[in-house]
Amino acid sequence: MTPYRAPDWLPGGHAQTIYPLLIKPAPRSYRRQRWETPDGDFIDVDWADPPTASVSADSMPLLVLFHGLEGSSRSHYAITLMSACTAIGWTGVVVHFRGCSGEINRLPRAYHSGDSTEIDWILQRLQQLFPARPRYAVGVSLGGNALLKWLGERQGNAANFLRAAAAISAPFDLGVSGHQLACGLNRIYTHHFLQTLKRKAAEKLRRHPGLFDAQRMRAASCLHEFDDVVTAPLHGFASADDYWRRASSKPWLTAIRLPTLLLNARNDPFLPAQALPAASQTAASVQAEFPQQGGHVGFVSGRLPGRLDWLPQRILHFFRNEVRDV
């Protein structure tokens, strides 16, 4: 497949990150299911079914997507990837992390960048539901980091659940990424995330009084401050620094045994190029592609007004090369 090249009319990492929101496809229809979690909570999963049922549907691949921070099945990358996979007869499913489907979850906890335990039970359930179907997983940004951490922890056992995986624009080093988002123009992304994170945190506090310091939460002006008062304590970490260190996927990349694609642009505003893993920091099963351009989950292509089809086609090309009979 042709390597990614950004269009000349869309220069720079910020433009390549933000522009996809302006040409985002119309929301697609999904079939929603609610799954009860082992700890008494719930998640919502949105299914994308092929337009026509195939006689061999029980053996056709299943693609599962883990979205990014405050993402959902309505995110531009989810819409384009689900449309691309159903167009070739695959079934897609977008797994919403807790509280991201439009309804706040029941428990005080929510989700975080290193929640490989959550990834594990979801993939186990999919394996039980569809044991005969080839299964592939894609993680985007936060979801990519969590998926990579799971792959490293599971090592060779991951092959019992997946044929291959892909991580797109994953923030491998959460400390570097978190501080990067607090600098310069990158603060526009932080402001965007904090708007919804604080709104959800306020609702958590209303349901669970005394859960954390409301004043500190409202005053948080960067992700480090928010994670220090909310994310870290709610998920068993001592501090934001402890959370970022323990949840980062970079130390786990050498342990991955499943065929895995890493796709990150070197001009991604969320992660400086010098923080991308070197070849010595990844396993032989990991295929790293770090194009110069693309932004954060951008990868716009074509003439004005541009298209968002390069990324889903790259992902599907990688997966289909991993299983020749599909």
C-alpha atoms as a PDB file:
ATOM      1  CA  MET A   1       0.000   0.000   0.000  1.00  0.00           C
ATOM      2  CA  THR A   2       1.214   3.522  -0.783  1.00  0.00           C
ATOM      3  CA  PRO A   3       2.934   5.147   2.239  1.00  0.00           C
ATOM      4  CA  TYR A   4       1.143   8.111   3.731  1.00  0.00           C
ATOM      5  CA  ARG A   5       1.829  11.539   2.286  1.00  0.00           C
ATOM      6  CA  ALA A   6       0.036  14.617   3.554  1.00  0.00           C
ATOM      7  CA  PRO A   7      -1.592  16.853   0.935  1.00  0.00           C
ATOM      8  CA  ASP A   8       0.330  20.033   0.163  1.00  0.00           C
ATOM      9  CA  TRP A   9      -2.696  22.170   1.003  1.00  0.00           C
ATOM     10  CA  LEU A  10      -2.791  20.922   4.630  1.00  0.00           C
ATOM     11  CA  PRO A  11       0.589  21.666   6.258  1.00  0.00           C
ATOM     12  CA  GLY A  12       1.501  21.115   9.902  1.00  0.00           C
ATOM     13  CA  GLY A  13       0.551  18.783  12.709  1.00  0.00           C
ATOM     14  CA  HIS A  14      -2.157  20.985  14.204  1.00  0.00           C
ATOM     15  CA  ALA A  15      -4.002  21.459  10.900  1.00  0.00           C
ATOM     16  CA  GLN A  16      -3.704  17.753  10.129  1.00  0.00           C
ATOM     17  CA  THR A  17      -5.140  16.919  13.567  1.00  0.00           C
ATOM     18  CA  ILE A  18      -8.038  19.380  13.579  1.00  0.00           C
ATOM     19  CA  TYR A  19      -9.126  19.339   9.924  1.00  0.00           C
ATOM     20  CA  PRO A  20     -10.627  15.805  10.068  1.00  0.00           C
ATOM     21  CA  LEU A  21     -13.225  17.177  12.479  1.00  0.00           C
ATOM     22  CA  LEU A  22     -14.369  19.563   9.745  1.00  0.00           C
ATOM     23  CA  ILE A  23     -14.859  16.824   7.136  1.00  0.00           C
ATOM     24  CA  LYS A  24     -16.115  14.210   9.548  1.00  0.00           C
ATOM     25  CA  PRO A  25     -18.586  11.833   7.860  1.00  0.00           C
ATOM     26  CA  ALA A  26     -22.199  11.802   8.952  1.00  0.00           C
ATOM     27  CA  PRO A  27     -22.841   9.499  11.928  1.00  0.00           C
ATOM     28  CA  ARG A  28     -23.559   5.939  10.895  1.00  0.00           C
ATOM     29  CA  SER A  29     -26.114   3.611  12.390  1.00  0.00           C
ATOM     30  CA  TYR A  30     -25.059   1.042  14.968  1.00  0.00           C
ATOM     31  CA  ARG A  31     -26.665  -1.783  16.866  1.00  0.00           C
ATOM     32  CA  ARG A  32     -26.068  -1.112  20.562  1.00  0.00           C
ATOM     33  CA  GLN A  33     -25.662  -3.680  23.329  1.00  0.00           C
ATOM     34  CA  ARG A  34     -25.063  -3.143  27.006  1.00  0.00           C
ATOM     35  CA  TRP A  35     -22.665  -5.477  28.762  1.00  0.00           C
ATOM     36  CA  GLU A  36     -22.585  -5.873  32.519  1.00  0.00           C
ATOM     37  CA  THR A  37     -19.035  -5.813  33.859  1.00  0.00           C
ATOM     38  CA  PRO A  38     -17.651  -8.292  36.399  1.00  0.00           C
ATOM     39  CA  ASP A  39     -17.621  -5.581  39.095  1.00  0.00           C
ATOM     40  CA  GLY A  40     -21.268  -4.549  38.729  1.00  0.00           C
ATOM     41  CA  ASP A  41     -20.857  -1.719  36.241  1.00  0.00           C
ATOM     42  CA  PHE A  42     -21.638  -1.611  32.509  1.00  0.00           C
ATOM     43  CA  ILE A  43     -20.202  -0.676  29.151  1.00  0.00           C
ATOM     44  CA  ASP A  44     -21.990  -0.076  25.865  1.00  0.00           C
ATOM     45  CA  VAL A  45     -20.759  -1.612  22.613  1.00  0.00           C
ATOM     46  CA  ASP A  46     -21.889  -0.446  19.185  1.00  0.00           C
ATOM     47  CA  TRP A  47     -22.008  -3.050  16.419  1.00  0.00           C
ATOM     48  CA  ALA A  48     -21.474  -2.226  12.758  1.00  0.00           C
ATOM     49  CA  ASP A  49     -22.918  -4.989  10.605  1.00  0.00           C
ATOM     50  CA  PRO A  50     -22.171  -5.623   6.914  1.00  0.00           C
ATOM     51  CA  PRO A  51     -24.929  -4.375   4.579  1.00  0.00           C
ATOM     52  CA  THR A  52     -25.818  -7.906   3.488  1.00  0.00           C
ATOM     53  CA  ALA A  53     -25.485 -11.131   5.426  1.00  0.00           C
ATOM     54  CA  SER A  54     -22.916 -13.543   4.052  1.00  0.00           C
ATOM     55  CA  VAL A  55     -23.408 -17.308   3.897  1.00  0.00           C
ATOM     56  CA  SER A  56     -20.058 -17.573   5.661  1.00  0.00           C
ATOM     57  CA  ALA A  57     -20.790 -14.836   8.193  1.00  0.00           C
ATOM     58  CA  ASP A  58     -19.838 -17.082  11.111  1.00  0.00           C
ATOM     59  CA  SER A  59     -16.281 -17.288   9.781  1.00  0.00           C
ATOM     60  CA  MET A  60     -15.867 -13.701   8.593  1.00  0.00           C
ATOM     61  CA  PRO A  61     -13.529 -11.461  10.592  1.00  0.00           C
ATOM     62  CA  LEU A  62     -14.519  -9.287  13.521  1.00  0.00           C
ATOM     63  CA  LEU A  63     -12.777  -5.955  14.077  1.00  0.00           C
ATOM     64  CA  VAL A  64     -12.933  -4.387  17.542  1.00  0.00           C
ATOM     65  CA  LEU A  65     -12.071  -0.728  18.109  1.00  0.00           C
ATOM     66  CA  PHE A  66     -10.940   0.834  21.388  1.00  0.00           C
ATOM     67  CA  HIS A  67     -11.376   4.610  21.093  1.00  0.00           C
ATOM     68  CA  GLY A  68      -9.279   7.491  22.384  1.00  0.00           C
ATOM     69  CA  LEU A  69      -9.698   9.893  25.303  1.00  0.00           C
ATOM     70  CA  GLU A  70     -13.334  11.032  25.401  1.00  0.00           C
ATOM     71  CA  GLY A  71     -13.945   9.338  22.056  1.00  0.00           C
ATOM     72  CA  SER A  72     -16.878   7.178  20.996  1.00  0.00           C
ATOM     73  CA  SER A  73     -18.461   5.418  18.040  1.00  0.00           C
ATOM     74  CA  ARG A  74     -19.210   8.923  16.703  1.00  0.00           C
ATOM     75  CA  SER A  75     -15.512   9.841  16.426  1.00  0.00           C
ATOM     76  CA  HIS A  76     -14.379  10.389  12.850  1.00  0.00           C
ATOM     77  CA  TYR A  77     -11.911   7.484  12.929  1.00  0.00           C
ATOM     78  CA  ALA A  78     -14.590   5.148  14.284  1.00  0.00           C
ATOM     79  CA  ILE A  79     -17.076   6.064  11.550  1.00  0.00           C
ATOM     80  CA  THR A  80     -14.552   5.657   8.735  1.00  0.00           C
ATOM     81  CA  LEU A  81     -13.045   2.417  10.065  1.00  0.00           C
ATOM     82  CA  MET A  82     -16.423   0.783  10.721  1.00  0.00           C
ATOM     83  CA  SER A  83     -17.643   1.793   7.254  1.00  0.00           C
ATOM     84  CA  ALA A  84     -14.507   0.396   5.619  1.00  0.00           C
ATOM     85  CA  CYS A  85     -14.642  -2.943   7.408  1.00  0.00           C
ATOM     86  CA  THR A  86     -18.354  -3.516   6.802  1.00  0.00           C
ATOM     87  CA  ALA A  87     -17.860  -2.665   3.125  1.00  0.00           C
ATOM     88  CA  ILE A  88     -15.696  -5.787   2.758  1.00  0.00           C
ATOM     89  CA  GLY A  89     -18.100  -7.992   4.704  1.00  0.00           C
ATOM     90  CA  TRP A  90     -16.452  -7.775   8.128  1.00  0.00           C
ATOM     91  CA  THR A  91     -18.308  -7.031  11.347  1.00  0.00           C
ATOM     92  CA  GLY A  92     -17.084  -4.109  13.406  1.00  0.00           C
ATOM     93  CA  VAL A  93     -17.656  -3.250  17.045  1.00  0.00           C
ATOM     94  CA  VAL A  94     -16.769  -0.052  18.881  1.00  0.00           C
ATOM     95  CA  VAL A  95     -16.232  -0.705  22.572  1.00  0.00           C
ATOM     96  CA  HIS A  96     -17.044   2.327  24.703  1.00  0.00           C
ATOM     97  CA  PHE A  97     -14.924   2.785  27.761  1.00  0.00           C
ATOM     98  CA  ARG A  98     -16.958   3.405  30.888  1.00  0.00           C
ATOM     99  CA  GLY A  99     -18.877   6.659  30.724  1.00  0.00           C
ATOM    100  CA  CYS A 100     -18.133   7.341  27.037  1.00  0.00           C
ATOM    101  CA  SER A 101     -21.319   6.064  25.392  1.00  0.00           C
ATOM    102  CA  GLY A 102     -23.465   9.039  26.389  1.00  0.00           C
ATOM    103  CA  GLU A 103     -24.446   7.735  29.817  1.00  0.00           C
ATOM    104  CA  ILE A 104     -22.374   7.963  32.976  1.00  0.00           C
ATOM    105  CA  ASN A 105     -21.367   4.606  34.434  1.00  0.00           C
ATOM    106  CA  ARG A 106     -22.463   3.418  37.862  1.00  0.00           C
ATOM    107  CA  LEU A 107     -19.217   3.074  39.800  1.00  0.00           C
ATOM    108  CA  PRO A 108     -16.849   5.796  41.013  1.00  0.00           C
ATOM    109  CA  ARG A 109     -14.152   4.525  38.635  1.00  0.00           C
ATOM    110  CA  ALA A 110     -14.237   5.397  34.942  1.00  0.00           C
ATOM    111  CA  TYR A 111     -11.447   4.503  32.477  1.00  0.00           C
ATOM    112  CA  HIS A 112      -7.775   5.274  32.022  1.00  0.00           C
ATOM    113  CA  SER A 113      -4.863   4.931  29.600  1.00  0.00           C
ATOM    114  CA  GLY A 114      -3.459   1.747  31.081  1.00  0.00           C
ATOM    115  CA  ASP A 115      -6.656  -0.195  31.711  1.00  0.00           C
ATOM    116  CA  SER A 116      -5.423  -3.483  30.275  1.00  0.00           C
ATOM    117  CA  THR A 117      -7.634  -5.404  32.732  1.00  0.00           C
ATOM    118  CA  GLU A 118     -10.686  -3.904  31.042  1.00  0.00           C
ATOM    119  CA  ILE A 119      -9.269  -4.764  27.616  1.00  0.00           C
ATOM    120  CA  ASP A 120      -8.702  -8.327  28.815  1.00  0.00           C
ATOM    121  CA  TRP A 121     -12.250  -9.125  29.887  1.00  0.00           C
ATOM    122  CA  ILE A 122     -13.687  -7.506  26.754  1.00  0.00           C
ATOM    123  CA  LEU A 123     -11.488  -9.591  24.445  1.00  0.00           C
ATOM    124  CA  GLN A 124     -12.208 -12.710  26.487  1.00  0.00           C
ATOM    125  CA  ARG A 125     -15.928 -12.112  26.065  1.00  0.00           C
ATOM    126  CA  LEU A 126     -15.579 -11.618  22.320  1.00  0.00           C
ATOM    127  CA  GLN A 127     -13.554 -14.826  22.095  1.00  0.00           C
ATOM    128  CA  GLN A 128     -16.314 -16.700  23.921  1.00  0.00           C
ATOM    129  CA  LEU A 129     -19.034 -15.179  21.733  1.00  0.00           C
ATOM    130  CA  PHE A 130     -17.228 -15.708  18.407  1.00  0.00           C
ATOM    131  CA  PRO A 131     -14.696 -18.520  18.808  1.00  0.00           C
ATOM    132  CA  ALA A 132     -14.655 -19.372  15.083  1.00  0.00           C
ATOM    133  CA  ARG A 133     -14.206 -15.845  13.743  1.00  0.00           C
ATOM    134  CA  PRO A 134     -10.801 -14.251  13.130  1.00  0.00           C
ATOM    135  CA  ARG A 135     -10.626 -11.281  15.491  1.00  0.00           C
ATOM    136  CA  TYR A 136      -8.579  -8.115  15.112  1.00  0.00           C
ATOM    137  CA  ALA A 137      -8.213  -5.156  17.449  1.00  0.00           C
ATOM    138  CA  VAL A 138      -7.454  -1.495  16.829  1.00  0.00           C
ATOM    139  CA  GLY A 139      -6.662   0.981  19.568  1.00  0.00           C
ATOM    140  CA  VAL A 140      -6.624   4.707  18.899  1.00  0.00           C
ATOM    141  CA  SER A 141      -4.644   7.154  21.063  1.00  0.00           C
ATOM    142  CA  LEU A 142      -5.541   6.268  24.694  1.00  0.00           C
ATOM    143  CA  GLY A 143      -7.145   3.039  23.473  1.00  0.00           C
ATOM    144  CA  GLY A 144      -3.973   2.229  21.555  1.00  0.00           C
ATOM    145  CA  ASN A 145      -1.827   2.643  24.641  1.00  0.00           C
ATOM    146  CA  ALA A 146      -4.111   0.382  26.700  1.00  0.00           C
ATOM    147  CA  LEU A 147      -4.206  -2.242  23.943  1.00  0.00           C
ATOM    148  CA  LEU A 148      -0.413  -2.271  23.571  1.00  0.00           C
ATOM    149  CA  LYS A 149       0.004  -2.680  27.326  1.00  0.00           C
ATOM    150  CA  TRP A 150      -2.378  -5.656  27.220  1.00  0.00           C
ATOM    151  CA  LEU A 151      -0.485  -7.184  24.285  1.00  0.00           C
ATOM    152  CA  GLY A 152       2.797  -6.896  26.175  1.00  0.00           C
ATOM    153  CA  GLU A 153       1.357  -8.363  29.350  1.00  0.00           C
ATOM    154  CA  ARG A 154      -0.290 -11.262  27.510  1.00  0.00           C
ATOM    155  CA  GLN A 155       2.726 -11.934  25.262  1.00  0.00           C
ATOM    156  CA  GLY A 156       2.172 -15.173  23.281  1.00  0.00           C
ATOM    157  CA  ASN A 157      -1.186 -15.809  24.955  1.00  0.00           C
ATOM    158  CA  ALA A 158      -2.663 -12.843  23.066  1.00  0.00           C
ATOM    159  CA  ALA A 159      -2.910 -15.107  19.991  1.00  0.00           C
ATOM    160  CA  ASN A 160      -5.739 -16.979  21.716  1.00  0.00           C
ATOM    161  CA  PHE A 161      -7.857 -13.844  21.401  1.00  0.00           C
ATOM    162  CA  LEU A 162      -6.604 -11.969  18.317  1.00  0.00           C
ATOM    163  CA  ARG A 163      -4.959 -12.593  14.950  1.00  0.00           C
ATOM    164  CA  ALA A 164      -3.332  -9.160  14.821  1.00  0.00           C
ATOM    165  CA  ALA A 165      -3.596  -5.675  16.295  1.00  0.00           C
ATOM    166  CA  ALA A 166      -2.950  -2.050  15.398  1.00  0.00           C
ATOM    167  CA  ALA A 167      -2.295   1.010  17.552  1.00  0.00           C
ATOM    168  CA  ILE A 168      -2.854   4.432  15.994  1.00  0.00           C
ATOM    169  CA  SER A 169      -1.298   7.600  17.437  1.00  0.00           C
ATOM    170  CA  ALA A 170      -0.694   5.898  20.776  1.00  0.00           C
ATOM    171  CA  PRO A 171       0.955   8.043  23.495  1.00  0.00           C
ATOM    172  CA  PHE A 172       3.545   5.406  24.412  1.00  0.00           C
ATOM    173  CA  ASP A 173       5.074   7.561  27.163  1.00  0.00           C
ATOM    174  CA  LEU A 174       2.213   9.170  29.077  1.00  0.00           C
ATOM    175  CA  GLY A 175       4.504  11.457  31.042  1.00  0.00           C
ATOM    176  CA  VAL A 176       6.045  12.959  27.927  1.00  0.00           C
ATOM    177  CA  SER A 177       2.657  13.167  26.200  1.00  0.00           C
ATOM    178  CA  GLY A 178       0.903  14.692  29.198  1.00  0.00           C
ATOM    179  CA  HIS A 179       3.481  17.447  29.588  1.00  0.00           C
ATOM    180  CA  GLN A 180       3.519  18.013  25.816  1.00  0.00           C
ATOM    181  CA  LEU A 181      -0.212  18.732  25.905  1.00  0.00           C
ATOM    182  CA  ALA A 182       0.379  21.448  28.506  1.00  0.00           C
ATOM    183  CA  CYS A 183       2.655  23.454  26.209  1.00  0.00           C
ATOM    184  CA  GLY A 184       1.900  26.204  23.701  1.00  0.00           C
ATOM    185  CA  LEU A 185      -0.843  25.603  21.140  1.00  0.00           C
ATOM    186  CA  ASN A 186      -1.257  22.071  22.449  1.00  0.00           C
ATOM    187  CA  ARG A 187      -3.256  23.544  25.316  1.00  0.00           C
ATOM    188  CA  ILE A 188      -6.240  23.794  22.947  1.00  0.00           C
ATOM    189  CA  TYR A 189      -6.474  20.008  23.055  1.00  0.00           C
ATOM    190  CA  THR A 190      -6.161  19.971  26.834  1.00  0.00           C
ATOM    191  CA  HIS A 191      -8.940  22.556  27.117  1.00  0.00           C
ATOM    192  CA  HIS A 192     -11.149  20.431  24.877  1.00  0.00           C
ATOM    193  CA  PHE A 193     -10.563  17.276  26.921  1.00  0.00           C
ATOM    194  CA  LEU A 194     -11.009  19.004  30.276  1.00  0.00           C
ATOM    195  CA  GLN A 195     -14.403  20.351  29.286  1.00  0.00           C
ATOM    196  CA  THR A 196     -15.977  16.896  29.118  1.00  0.00           C
ATOM    197  CA  LEU A 197     -13.739  15.290  31.752  1.00  0.00           C
ATOM    198  CA  LYS A 198     -14.699  17.913  34.330  1.00  0.00           C
ATOM    199  CA  ARG A 199     -18.379  17.654  33.461  1.00  0.00           C
ATOM    200  CA  LYS A 200     -18.289  13.897  33.993  1.00  0.00           C
ATOM    201  CA  ALA A 201     -16.240  14.279  37.180  1.00  0.00           C
ATOM    202  CA  ALA A 202     -18.813  16.717  38.584  1.00  0.00           C
ATOM    203  CA  GLU A 203     -21.552  14.173  37.916  1.00  0.00           C
ATOM    204  CA  LYS A 204     -19.463  11.477  39.634  1.00  0.00           C
ATOM    205  CA  LEU A 205     -19.126  13.736  42.642  1.00  0.00           C
ATOM    206  CA  ARG A 206     -22.863  14.372  42.719  1.00  0.00           C
ATOM    207  CA  ARG A 207     -23.516  10.626  42.775  1.00  0.00           C
ATOM    208  CA  HIS A 208     -20.635   9.809  45.129  1.00  0.00           C
ATOM    209  CA  PRO A 209     -20.151  12.745  47.527  1.00  0.00           C
ATOM    210  CA  GLY A 210     -16.632  13.138  48.930  1.00  0.00           C
ATOM    211  CA  LEU A 211     -15.049  11.078  46.161  1.00  0.00           C
ATOM    212  CA  PHE A 212     -12.330  13.687  45.525  1.00  0.00           C
ATOM    213  CA  ASP A 213     -11.592  17.370  46.081  1.00  0.00           C
ATOM    214  CA  ALA A 214     -14.162  19.269  44.001  1.00  0.00           C
ATOM    215  CA  GLN A 215     -12.291  22.558  44.211  1.00  0.00           C
ATOM    216  CA  ARG A 216      -9.042  21.034  42.963  1.00  0.00           C
ATOM    217  CA  MET A 217     -10.900  19.289  40.145  1.00  0.00           C
ATOM    218  CA  ARG A 218     -12.563  22.505  38.977  1.00  0.00           C
ATOM    219  CA  ALA A 219      -9.257  24.403  39.190  1.00  0.00           C
ATOM    220  CA  ALA A 220      -7.295  21.856  37.140  1.00  0.00           C
ATOM    221  CA  SER A 221      -5.838  23.582  34.078  1.00  0.00           C
ATOM    222  CA  CYS A 222      -3.871  20.655  32.621  1.00  0.00           C
ATOM    223  CA  LEU A 223      -4.173  16.900  32.422  1.00  0.00           C
ATOM    224  CA  HIS A 224      -1.529  16.385  35.108  1.00  0.00           C
ATOM    225  CA  GLU A 225      -3.584  18.354  37.636  1.00  0.00           C
ATOM    226  CA  PHE A 226      -6.799  16.576  36.647  1.00  0.00           C
ATOM    227  CA  ASP A 227      -5.229  13.125  36.718  1.00  0.00           C
ATOM    228  CA  ASP A 228      -3.639  13.881  40.086  1.00  0.00           C
ATOM    229  CA  VAL A 229      -6.949  14.696  41.769  1.00  0.00           C
ATOM    230  CA  VAL A 230      -9.365  12.465  39.822  1.00  0.00           C
ATOM    231  CA  THR A 231      -7.994   9.776  37.493  1.00  0.00           C
ATOM    232  CA  ALA A 232      -5.136   8.494  39.649  1.00  0.00           C
ATOM    233  CA  PRO A 233      -6.918   8.037  42.997  1.00  0.00           C
ATOM    234  CA  LEU A 234     -10.069   6.601  41.407  1.00  0.00           C
ATOM    235  CA  HIS A 235      -8.044   3.880  39.681  1.00  0.00           C
ATOM    236  CA  GLY A 236      -5.552   2.873  42.347  1.00  0.00           C
ATOM    237  CA  PHE A 237      -2.584   5.114  41.577  1.00  0.00           C
ATOM    238  CA  ALA A 238      -0.715   7.212  44.111  1.00  0.00           C
ATOM    239  CA  SER A 239      -0.467  10.304  41.918  1.00  0.00           C
ATOM    240  CA  ALA A 240      -0.573  11.490  38.325  1.00  0.00           C
ATOM    241  CA  ASP A 241       3.136  10.727  37.970  1.00  0.00           C
ATOM    242  CA  ASP A 242       2.618   7.219  39.337  1.00  0.00           C
ATOM    243  CA  TYR A 243      -0.306   6.703  36.944  1.00  0.00           C
ATOM    244  CA  TRP A 244       1.554   7.972  33.895  1.00  0.00           C
ATOM    245  CA  ARG A 245       4.601   5.833  34.686  1.00  0.00           C
ATOM    246  CA  ARG A 246       2.755   2.586  35.386  1.00  0.00           C
ATOM    247  CA  ALA A 247       0.182   2.959  32.591  1.00  0.00           C
ATOM    248  CA  SER A 248       2.616   3.753  29.762  1.00  0.00           C
ATOM    249  CA  SER A 249       2.843   1.080  27.077  1.00  0.00           C
ATOM    250  CA  LYS A 250       6.405   1.783  25.936  1.00  0.00           C
ATOM    251  CA  PRO A 251       8.073  -0.619  28.416  1.00  0.00           C
ATOM    252  CA  TRP A 252       5.803  -3.415  27.175  1.00  0.00           C
ATOM    253  CA  LEU A 253       6.541  -3.174  23.460  1.00  0.00           C
ATOM    254  CA  THR A 254       9.439  -5.640  23.535  1.00  0.00           C
ATOM    255  CA  ALA A 255       7.155  -8.302  25.051  1.00  0.00           C
ATOM    256  CA  ILE A 256       4.536  -8.227  22.270  1.00  0.00           C
ATOM    257  CA  ARG A 257       4.340 -11.466  20.284  1.00  0.00           C
ATOM    258  CA  LEU A 258       1.258 -10.812  18.162  1.00  0.00           C
ATOM    259  CA  PRO A 259       1.634  -9.171  14.721  1.00  0.00           C
ATOM    260  CA  THR A 260       1.064  -5.522  15.593  1.00  0.00           C
ATOM    261  CA  LEU A 261       1.120  -2.305  13.593  1.00  0.00           C
ATOM    262  CA  LEU A 262       2.251   0.935  15.229  1.00  0.00           C
ATOM    263  CA  LEU A 263       1.255   4.007  13.227  1.00  0.00           C
ATOM    264  CA  ASN A 264       2.265   7.433  14.543  1.00  0.00           C
ATOM    265  CA  ALA A 265       3.015  10.640  12.692  1.00  0.00           C
ATOM    266  CA  ARG A 266       6.256  12.362  13.636  1.00  0.00           C
ATOM    267  CA  ASN A 267       4.447  15.699  13.736  1.00  0.00           C
ATOM    268  CA  ASP A 268       1.760  14.462  16.142  1.00  0.00           C
ATOM    269  CA  PRO A 269       1.111  17.365  18.567  1.00  0.00           C
ATOM    270  CA  PHE A 270       0.362  14.848  21.345  1.00  0.00           C
ATOM    271  CA  LEU A 271       3.774  13.153  21.325  1.00  0.00           C
ATOM    272  CA  PRO A 272       7.148  14.556  20.202  1.00  0.00           C
ATOM    273  CA  ALA A 273       9.006  12.494  17.630  1.00  0.00           C
ATOM    274  CA  GLN A 274      11.906  11.859  20.012  1.00  0.00           C
ATOM    275  CA  ALA A 275       9.529   9.923  22.288  1.00  0.00           C
ATOM    276  CA  LEU A 276       8.622   7.402  19.589  1.00  0.00           C
ATOM    277  CA  PRO A 277      10.038   3.923  20.287  1.00  0.00           C
ATOM    278  CA  ALA A 278      13.295   2.972  18.612  1.00  0.00           C
ATOM    279  CA  ALA A 279      13.672  -0.376  16.854  1.00  0.00           C
ATOM    280  CA  SER A 280      15.476  -1.735  19.925  1.00  0.00           C
ATOM    281  CA  GLN A 281      12.418  -0.888  22.037  1.00  0.00           C
ATOM    282  CA  THR A 282       9.976  -3.029  20.049  1.00  0.00           C
ATOM    283  CA  ALA A 283       9.644  -6.758  19.439  1.00  0.00           C
ATOM    284  CA  ALA A 284      10.206  -8.389  16.051  1.00  0.00           C
ATOM    285  CA  SER A 285       6.438  -8.903  15.744  1.00  0.00           C
ATOM    286  CA  VAL A 286       5.853  -5.147  15.844  1.00  0.00           C
ATOM    287  CA  GLN A 287       5.795  -3.214  12.570  1.00  0.00           C
ATOM    288  CA  ALA A 288       6.433   0.479  13.241  1.00  0.00           C
ATOM    289  CA  GLU A 289       5.438   3.118  10.701  1.00  0.00           C
ATOM    290  CA  PHE A 290       6.238   6.695  11.636  1.00  0.00           C
ATOM    291  CA  PRO A 291       5.538   8.978   8.652  1.00  0.00           C
ATOM    292  CA  GLN A 292       6.737  12.566   8.832  1.00  0.00           C
ATOM    293  CA  GLN A 293       3.210  13.968   8.514  1.00  0.00           C
ATOM    294  CA  GLY A 294      -0.295  13.034   9.599  1.00  0.00           C
ATOM    295  CA  GLY A 295      -0.997  14.794  12.878  1.00  0.00           C
ATOM    296  CA  HIS A 296      -2.838  13.017  15.686  1.00  0.00           C
ATOM    297  CA  VAL A 297      -5.225  10.454  14.169  1.00  0.00           C
ATOM    298  CA  GLY A 298      -5.450  12.695  11.109  1.00  0.00           C
ATOM    299  CA  PHE A 299      -3.931  11.223   7.935  1.00  0.00           C
ATOM    300  CA  VAL A 300      -6.054  13.296   5.557  1.00  0.00           C
ATOM    301  CA  SER A 301      -5.431  12.515   1.872  1.00  0.00           C
ATOM    302  CA  GLY A 302      -6.445  13.711  -1.573  1.00  0.00           C
ATOM    303  CA  ARG A 303      -7.413  17.026  -3.081  1.00  0.00           C
ATOM    304  CA  LEU A 304      -9.608  19.565  -1.342  1.00  0.00           C
ATOM    305  CA  PRO A 305     -11.807  19.005   0.585  1.00  0.00           C
ATOM    306  CA  GLY A 306      -9.786  15.871   1.394  1.00  0.00           C
ATOM    307  CA  ARG A 307     -10.648  12.330   2.428  1.00  0.00           C
ATOM    308  CA  LEU A 308     -10.271  10.222   5.556  1.00  0.00           C
ATOM    309  CA  ASP A 309      -9.979   6.849   3.845  1.00  0.00           C
ATOM    310  CA  TRP A 310      -6.198   6.322   3.957  1.00  0.00           C
ATOM    311  CA  LEU A 311      -6.105   5.335   7.633  1.00  0.00           C
ATOM    312  CA  PRO A 312      -8.855   2.658   7.590  1.00  0.00           C
ATOM    313  CA  GLN A 313      -7.444   1.223   4.370  1.00  0.00           C
ATOM    314  CA  ARG A 314      -3.956   1.029   5.881  1.00  0.00           C
ATOM    315  CA  ILE A 315      -5.303  -0.810   8.920  1.00  0.00           C
ATOM    316  CA  LEU A 316      -7.323  -3.272   6.857  1.00  0.00           C
ATOM    317  CA  HIS A 317      -4.409  -3.833   4.468  1.00  0.00           C
ATOM    318  CA  PHE A 318      -2.213  -4.807   7.412  1.00  0.00           C
ATOM    319  CA  PHE A 319      -4.818  -7.177   8.828  1.00  0.00           C
ATOM    320  CA  ARG A 320      -5.642  -8.810   5.507  1.00  0.00           C
ATOM    321  CA  ASN A 321      -1.958  -9.458   4.862  1.00  0.00           C
ATOM    322  CA  GLU A 322      -1.820 -11.286   8.178  1.00  0.00           C
ATOM    323  CA  VAL A 323      -4.447 -13.831   7.103  1.00  0.00           C
ATOM    324  CA  ARG A 324      -4.179 -14.720   3.427  1.00  0.00           C
ATOM    325  CA  ASP A 325      -7.469 -16.576   3.151  1.00  0.00           C
ATOM    326  CA  VAL A 326      -9.660 -13.563   4.037  1.00  0.00           C
END
